Amino acid sequence: MLAPRSEFKYHYIATLALTFCATGMSYFISAVFHSSSSQVVAVVWCLTASMFSGNSPTIPEMDELSAGWVIYDSSFSRWYMEAIYCIEAYATPVVFYPRITGINEG
Protein backbone atom coordinates (compact mmCIF):
# COMPACT_ATOMS: atom_id res chain seq x y z
CA MET A 1 0.00 0.00 0.00
CA LEU A 2 2.98 2.30 -0.41
CA ALA A 3 1.78 3.39 -3.82
CA PRO A 4 -1.92 2.60 -4.24
CA ARG A 5 -3.08 2.47 -7.84
CA SER A 6 -6.62 3.63 -7.18
CA GLU A 7 -7.90 7.05 -6.31
CA PHE A 8 -7.79 8.40 -2.77
CA LYS A 9 -11.56 8.86 -2.58
CA TYR A 10 -12.20 5.10 -2.83
CA HIS A 11 -9.80 4.37 0.01
CA TYR A 12 -11.40 7.16 2.02
CA ILE A 13 -14.90 5.77 1.48
CA ALA A 14 -13.82 2.26 2.53
CA THR A 15 -12.06 3.59 5.62
CA LEU A 16 -15.05 5.77 6.50
CA ALA A 17 -17.33 2.72 6.27
CA LEU A 18 -14.92 0.81 8.51
CA THR A 19 -15.01 3.63 11.04
CA PHE A 20 -18.82 3.69 11.09
CA CYS A 21 -18.95 -0.08 11.53
CA ALA A 22 -16.44 -0.15 14.39
CA THR A 23 -18.10 2.82 16.08
CA GLY A 24 -21.57 1.31 15.78
CA MET A 25 -20.44 -2.02 17.16
CA SER A 26 -18.68 -0.25 20.03
CA TYR A 27 -21.86 1.64 20.88
CA PHE A 28 -23.79 -1.63 20.77
CA ILE A 29 -21.28 -3.31 23.08
CA SER A 30 -21.39 -0.41 25.53
CA ALA A 31 -25.20 -0.60 25.60
CA VAL A 32 -25.36 -4.35 26.13
CA PHE A 33 -22.53 -4.93 28.61
CA HIS A 34 -21.94 -3.41 32.02
CA SER A 35 -19.78 -0.27 31.98
CA SER A 36 -16.92 -1.96 33.83
CA SER A 37 -16.55 -4.74 31.26
CA SER A 38 -17.63 -2.99 28.06
CA GLN A 39 -14.15 -1.65 27.27
CA VAL A 40 -12.58 -5.09 27.58
CA VAL A 41 -15.31 -6.67 25.46
CA ALA A 42 -14.86 -3.99 22.77
CA VAL A 43 -11.10 -4.52 22.64
CA VAL A 44 -11.49 -8.31 22.48
CA TRP A 45 -14.11 -7.95 19.74
CA CYS A 46 -11.83 -5.69 17.66
CA LEU A 47 -8.87 -8.05 18.05
CA THR A 48 -10.98 -11.10 17.25
CA ALA A 49 -12.47 -9.40 14.19
CA SER A 50 -8.98 -8.53 12.98
CA MET A 51 -7.63 -12.02 13.61
CA PHE A 52 -10.43 -13.70 11.65
CA SER A 53 -10.59 -11.28 8.76
CA GLY A 54 -9.79 -13.94 6.16
CA ASN A 55 -6.14 -13.10 5.68
CA SER A 56 -4.62 -15.77 7.90
CA PRO A 57 -6.33 -18.20 8.40
CA THR A 58 -8.00 -17.91 5.05
CA ILE A 59 -11.75 -18.09 4.54
CA PRO A 60 -11.65 -21.63 3.05
CA GLU A 61 -9.67 -22.78 6.10
CA MET A 62 -12.26 -21.21 8.41
CA ASP A 63 -15.08 -22.91 6.48
CA GLU A 64 -13.82 -26.21 7.86
CA LEU A 65 -14.72 -25.06 11.39
CA SER A 66 -18.28 -25.61 12.54
CA ALA A 67 -18.95 -21.92 13.29
CA GLY A 68 -16.22 -20.43 11.10
CA TRP A 69 -18.62 -18.65 8.78
CA VAL A 70 -20.17 -16.78 11.73
CA ILE A 71 -16.76 -15.54 12.81
CA TYR A 72 -15.59 -14.19 9.48
CA ASP A 73 -18.98 -12.91 8.32
CA SER A 74 -19.28 -10.74 11.43
CA SER A 75 -15.74 -9.41 11.08
CA PHE A 76 -15.68 -5.78 9.99
CA SER A 77 -12.03 -6.18 9.06
CA ARG A 78 -12.84 -8.90 6.52
CA TRP A 79 -15.16 -6.62 4.58
CA TYR A 80 -12.64 -3.76 4.73
CA MET A 81 -9.88 -5.98 3.36
CA GLU A 82 -12.18 -7.19 0.62
CA ALA A 83 -13.11 -3.63 -0.32
CA ILE A 84 -9.47 -2.54 -0.47
CA TYR A 85 -8.58 -5.59 -2.56
CA CYS A 86 -11.40 -4.87 -5.02
CA ILE A 87 -10.47 -1.19 -5.24
CA GLU A 88 -6.87 -2.07 -6.04
CA ALA A 89 -7.78 -4.91 -8.42
CA TYR A 90 -9.99 -2.65 -10.54
CA ALA A 91 -7.21 -0.08 -10.80
CA THR A 92 -4.53 -2.60 -11.75
CA PRO A 93 -3.23 -2.49 -15.33
CA VAL A 94 -4.39 -5.19 -17.73
CA VAL A 95 -0.96 -6.81 -17.83
CA PHE A 96 -1.43 -8.04 -14.22
CA TYR A 97 -4.86 -9.65 -14.79
CA PRO A 98 -3.54 -13.24 -14.92
CA ARG A 99 -2.00 -12.71 -11.50
CA ILE A 100 -5.22 -11.26 -10.05
CA THR A 101 -7.40 -14.05 -11.42
CA GLY A 102 -4.93 -16.58 -10.01
CA ILE A 103 -5.33 -15.00 -6.57
CA ASN A 104 -9.11 -15.00 -6.90
CA GLU A 105 -9.27 -18.66 -7.89
CA GLY A 106 -7.02 -20.11 -5.28
C-alpha atoms as a PDB file:
ATOM      1  CA  MET A   1       0.000   0.000   0.000  1.00  0.00           C
ATOM      2  CA  LEU A   2       2.982   2.301  -0.408  1.00  0.00           C
ATOM      3  CA  ALA A   3       1.783   3.387  -3.823  1.00  0.00           C
ATOM      4  CA  PRO A   4      -1.918   2.605  -4.241  1.00  0.00           C
ATOM      5  CA  ARG A   5      -3.080   2.466  -7.836  1.00  0.00           C
ATOM      6  CA  SER A   6      -6.617   3.634  -7.178  1.00  0.00           C
ATOM      7  CA  GLU A   7      -7.901   7.054  -6.306  1.00  0.00           C
ATOM      8  CA  PHE A   8      -7.790   8.398  -2.772  1.00  0.00           C
ATOM      9  CA  LYS A   9     -11.563   8.864  -2.585  1.00  0.00           C
ATOM     10  CA  TYR A  10     -12.195   5.104  -2.828  1.00  0.00           C
ATOM     11  CA  HIS A  11      -9.802   4.368   0.010  1.00  0.00           C
ATOM     12  CA  TYR A  12     -11.396   7.158   2.016  1.00  0.00           C
ATOM     13  CA  ILE A  13     -14.901   5.770   1.483  1.00  0.00           C
ATOM     14  CA  ALA A  14     -13.817   2.261   2.534  1.00  0.00           C
ATOM     15  CA  THR A  15     -12.058   3.591   5.623  1.00  0.00           C
ATOM     16  CA  LEU A  16     -15.051   5.766   6.497  1.00  0.00           C
ATOM     17  CA  ALA A  17     -17.334   2.715   6.266  1.00  0.00           C
ATOM     18  CA  LEU A  18     -14.918   0.805   8.509  1.00  0.00           C
ATOM     19  CA  THR A  19     -15.015   3.625  11.036  1.00  0.00           C
ATOM     20  CA  PHE A  20     -18.818   3.688  11.086  1.00  0.00           C
ATOM     21  CA  CYS A  21     -18.954  -0.081  11.529  1.00  0.00           C
ATOM     22  CA  ALA A  22     -16.438  -0.146  14.386  1.00  0.00           C
ATOM     23  CA  THR A  23     -18.100   2.823  16.082  1.00  0.00           C
ATOM     24  CA  GLY A  24     -21.568   1.314  15.779  1.00  0.00           C
ATOM     25  CA  MET A  25     -20.441  -2.018  17.163  1.00  0.00           C
ATOM     26  CA  SER A  26     -18.675  -0.254  20.028  1.00  0.00           C
ATOM     27  CA  TYR A  27     -21.861   1.635  20.878  1.00  0.00           C
ATOM     28  CA  PHE A  28     -23.790  -1.632  20.767  1.00  0.00           C
ATOM     29  CA  ILE A  29     -21.281  -3.313  23.084  1.00  0.00           C
ATOM     30  CA  SER A  30     -21.390  -0.413  25.530  1.00  0.00           C
ATOM     31  CA  ALA A  31     -25.196  -0.596  25.600  1.00  0.00           C
ATOM     32  CA  VAL A  32     -25.362  -4.353  26.130  1.00  0.00           C
ATOM     33  CA  PHE A  33     -22.534  -4.927  28.606  1.00  0.00           C
ATOM     34  CA  HIS A  34     -21.936  -3.412  32.018  1.00  0.00           C
ATOM     35  CA  SER A  35     -19.781  -0.274  31.982  1.00  0.00           C
ATOM     36  CA  SER A  36     -16.922  -1.961  33.831  1.00  0.00           C
ATOM     37  CA  SER A  37     -16.552  -4.737  31.256  1.00  0.00           C
ATOM     38  CA  SER A  38     -17.635  -2.993  28.058  1.00  0.00           C
ATOM     39  CA  GLN A  39     -14.147  -1.655  27.269  1.00  0.00           C
ATOM     40  CA  VAL A  40     -12.582  -5.089  27.581  1.00  0.00           C
ATOM     41  CA  VAL A  41     -15.309  -6.672  25.456  1.00  0.00           C
ATOM     42  CA  ALA A  42     -14.865  -3.993  22.767  1.00  0.00           C
ATOM     43  CA  VAL A  43     -11.104  -4.522  22.638  1.00  0.00           C
ATOM     44  CA  VAL A  44     -11.491  -8.307  22.484  1.00  0.00           C
ATOM     45  CA  TRP A  45     -14.108  -7.948  19.739  1.00  0.00           C
ATOM     46  CA  CYS A  46     -11.826  -5.688  17.659  1.00  0.00           C
ATOM     47  CA  LEU A  47      -8.873  -8.048  18.052  1.00  0.00           C
ATOM     48  CA  THR A  48     -10.980 -11.098  17.246  1.00  0.00           C
ATOM     49  CA  ALA A  49     -12.472  -9.404  14.187  1.00  0.00           C
ATOM     50  CA  SER A  50      -8.982  -8.530  12.984  1.00  0.00           C
ATOM     51  CA  MET A  51      -7.631 -12.023  13.614  1.00  0.00           C
ATOM     52  CA  PHE A  52     -10.427 -13.698  11.654  1.00  0.00           C
ATOM     53  CA  SER A  53     -10.592 -11.278   8.759  1.00  0.00           C
ATOM     54  CA  GLY A  54      -9.787 -13.941   6.157  1.00  0.00           C
ATOM     55  CA  ASN A  55      -6.144 -13.102   5.677  1.00  0.00           C
ATOM     56  CA  SER A  56      -4.624 -15.771   7.896  1.00  0.00           C
ATOM     57  CA  PRO A  57      -6.330 -18.198   8.401  1.00  0.00           C
ATOM     58  CA  THR A  58      -8.004 -17.906   5.046  1.00  0.00           C
ATOM     59  CA  ILE A  59     -11.749 -18.085   4.542  1.00  0.00           C
ATOM     60  CA  PRO A  60     -11.652 -21.631   3.046  1.00  0.00           C
ATOM     61  CA  GLU A  61      -9.671 -22.779   6.100  1.00  0.00           C
ATOM     62  CA  MET A  62     -12.264 -21.212   8.414  1.00  0.00           C
ATOM     63  CA  ASP A  63     -15.083 -22.906   6.483  1.00  0.00           C
ATOM     64  CA  GLU A  64     -13.816 -26.209   7.859  1.00  0.00           C
ATOM     65  CA  LEU A  65     -14.724 -25.058  11.387  1.00  0.00           C
ATOM     66  CA  SER A  66     -18.282 -25.607  12.543  1.00  0.00           C
ATOM     67  CA  ALA A  67     -18.947 -21.923  13.294  1.00  0.00           C
ATOM     68  CA  GLY A  68     -16.225 -20.435  11.100  1.00  0.00           C
ATOM     69  CA  TRP A  69     -18.622 -18.645   8.780  1.00  0.00           C
ATOM     70  CA  VAL A  70     -20.172 -16.776  11.735  1.00  0.00           C
ATOM     71  CA  ILE A  71     -16.761 -15.541  12.810  1.00  0.00           C
ATOM     72  CA  TYR A  72     -15.592 -14.187   9.476  1.00  0.00           C
ATOM     73  CA  ASP A  73     -18.977 -12.905   8.320  1.00  0.00           C
ATOM     74  CA  SER A  74     -19.279 -10.745  11.431  1.00  0.00           C
ATOM     75  CA  SER A  75     -15.740  -9.408  11.082  1.00  0.00           C
ATOM     76  CA  PHE A  76     -15.680  -5.775   9.990  1.00  0.00           C
ATOM     77  CA  SER A  77     -12.035  -6.183   9.062  1.00  0.00           C
ATOM     78  CA  ARG A  78     -12.835  -8.903   6.522  1.00  0.00           C
ATOM     79  CA  TRP A  79     -15.159  -6.618   4.584  1.00  0.00           C
ATOM     80  CA  TYR A  80     -12.642  -3.764   4.734  1.00  0.00           C
ATOM     81  CA  MET A  81      -9.875  -5.983   3.364  1.00  0.00           C
ATOM     82  CA  GLU A  82     -12.179  -7.194   0.615  1.00  0.00           C
ATOM     83  CA  ALA A  83     -13.109  -3.626  -0.320  1.00  0.00           C
ATOM     84  CA  ILE A  84      -9.466  -2.536  -0.467  1.00  0.00           C
ATOM     85  CA  TYR A  85      -8.582  -5.591  -2.562  1.00  0.00           C
ATOM     86  CA  CYS A  86     -11.403  -4.867  -5.022  1.00  0.00           C
ATOM     87  CA  ILE A  87     -10.467  -1.195  -5.237  1.00  0.00           C
ATOM     88  CA  GLU A  88      -6.870  -2.069  -6.040  1.00  0.00           C
ATOM     89  CA  ALA A  89      -7.778  -4.906  -8.419  1.00  0.00           C
ATOM     90  CA  TYR A  90      -9.989  -2.654 -10.538  1.00  0.00           C
ATOM     91  CA  ALA A  91      -7.214  -0.077 -10.795  1.00  0.00           C
ATOM     92  CA  THR A  92      -4.533  -2.604 -11.746  1.00  0.00           C
ATOM     93  CA  PRO A  93      -3.231  -2.486 -15.327  1.00  0.00           C
ATOM     94  CA  VAL A  94      -4.395  -5.194 -17.729  1.00  0.00           C
ATOM     95  CA  VAL A  95      -0.962  -6.810 -17.826  1.00  0.00           C
ATOM     96  CA  PHE A  96      -1.426  -8.040 -14.225  1.00  0.00           C
ATOM     97  CA  TYR A  97      -4.860  -9.647 -14.792  1.00  0.00           C
ATOM     98  CA  PRO A  98      -3.539 -13.244 -14.919  1.00  0.00           C
ATOM     99  CA  ARG A  99      -2.004 -12.710 -11.501  1.00  0.00           C
ATOM    100  CA  ILE A 100      -5.219 -11.259 -10.051  1.00  0.00           C
ATOM    101  CA  THR A 101      -7.399 -14.055 -11.417  1.00  0.00           C
ATOM    102  CA  GLY A 102      -4.932 -16.579 -10.012  1.00  0.00           C
ATOM    103  CA  ILE A 103      -5.326 -15.001  -6.566  1.00  0.00           C
ATOM    104  CA  ASN A 104      -9.110 -14.997  -6.897  1.00  0.00           C
ATOM    105  CA  GLU A 105      -9.275 -18.659  -7.889  1.00  0.00           C
ATOM    106  CA  GLY A 106      -7.018 -20.110  -5.277  1.00  0.00           C
END
